[in-house]
Protein backbone atom coordinates (compact mmCIF):
# COMPACT_ATOMS: atom_id res chain seq x y z
CA UNK A 1 2.57 -28.24 -59.00
CA UNK A 2 2.30 -31.35 -56.84
CA UNK A 3 5.91 -32.23 -57.57
CA UNK A 4 7.06 -28.86 -56.23
CA UNK A 5 4.99 -29.37 -53.10
CA UNK A 6 6.54 -32.79 -52.53
CA UNK A 7 10.05 -31.41 -52.96
CA UNK A 8 9.32 -28.49 -50.64
CA UNK A 9 7.85 -30.84 -48.05
CA UNK A 10 10.86 -33.17 -48.30
CA UNK A 11 13.27 -30.24 -47.87
CA UNK A 12 11.35 -28.97 -44.85
CA UNK A 13 11.28 -32.42 -43.28
CA UNK A 14 15.00 -32.88 -43.87
CA UNK A 15 15.73 -29.48 -42.32
CA UNK A 16 13.56 -30.30 -39.30
CA UNK A 17 15.27 -33.67 -38.85
CA UNK A 18 18.72 -32.10 -39.12
CA UNK A 19 17.83 -29.40 -36.60
CA UNK A 20 16.45 -31.90 -34.10
CA UNK A 21 19.55 -34.09 -34.08
CA UNK A 22 22.15 -31.34 -34.27
CA UNK A 23 24.53 -31.10 -31.34
CA UNK A 24 24.26 -28.09 -29.08
CA UNK A 25 26.68 -28.33 -26.22
CA UNK A 26 30.11 -29.29 -25.05
CA UNK A 27 31.26 -32.88 -25.02
CA UNK A 28 32.88 -34.15 -21.89
CA UNK A 29 32.87 -32.93 -18.32
CA UNK A 30 31.58 -29.39 -17.85
CA UNK A 31 33.65 -26.96 -15.81
CA UNK A 32 32.13 -24.26 -13.61
CA UNK A 33 33.29 -20.69 -14.29
CA UNK A 34 35.68 -19.04 -11.85
CA UNK A 35 33.96 -17.61 -8.79
CA UNK A 36 30.98 -19.90 -9.21
CA UNK A 37 29.30 -21.35 -6.15
CA UNK A 38 28.07 -24.41 -8.04
CA UNK A 39 27.20 -27.01 -6.75
CA UNK A 40 25.36 -25.87 -3.66
CA UNK A 41 22.55 -27.12 -1.50
CA UNK A 42 19.09 -25.64 -1.86
CA UNK A 43 17.92 -23.68 0.06
CA UNK A 44 21.16 -22.12 1.22
CA UNK A 45 21.78 -22.96 4.89
CA UNK A 46 22.44 -19.33 5.81
CA UNK A 47 18.94 -18.36 4.63
CA UNK A 48 17.16 -20.90 6.83
CA UNK A 49 15.25 -19.62 9.87
CA UNK A 50 15.36 -21.88 12.92
CA UNK A 51 11.94 -23.19 14.05
CA UNK A 52 10.14 -21.67 17.01
CA UNK A 53 10.60 -23.48 20.29
CA UNK A 54 6.87 -24.33 20.36
CA UNK A 55 7.17 -26.16 16.99
CA UNK A 56 10.09 -28.27 18.16
CA UNK A 57 8.18 -29.41 21.26
CA UNK A 58 5.13 -30.47 19.22
CA UNK A 59 7.19 -32.29 16.60
CA UNK A 60 8.07 -35.11 19.00
């Protein structure tokens, strides 16, 4: 019984090691899909609200 447990443990460890080092992605430079706005600055400039005039006077 112990021999079966050792074999099962070895198989599980080998499977875990293989899964952890398996490749999952594309090699080389990635290309953005057509129509993508990547890269962009965050937050988008058009969503920014200008500061109140009172805040700009106190900032100095």
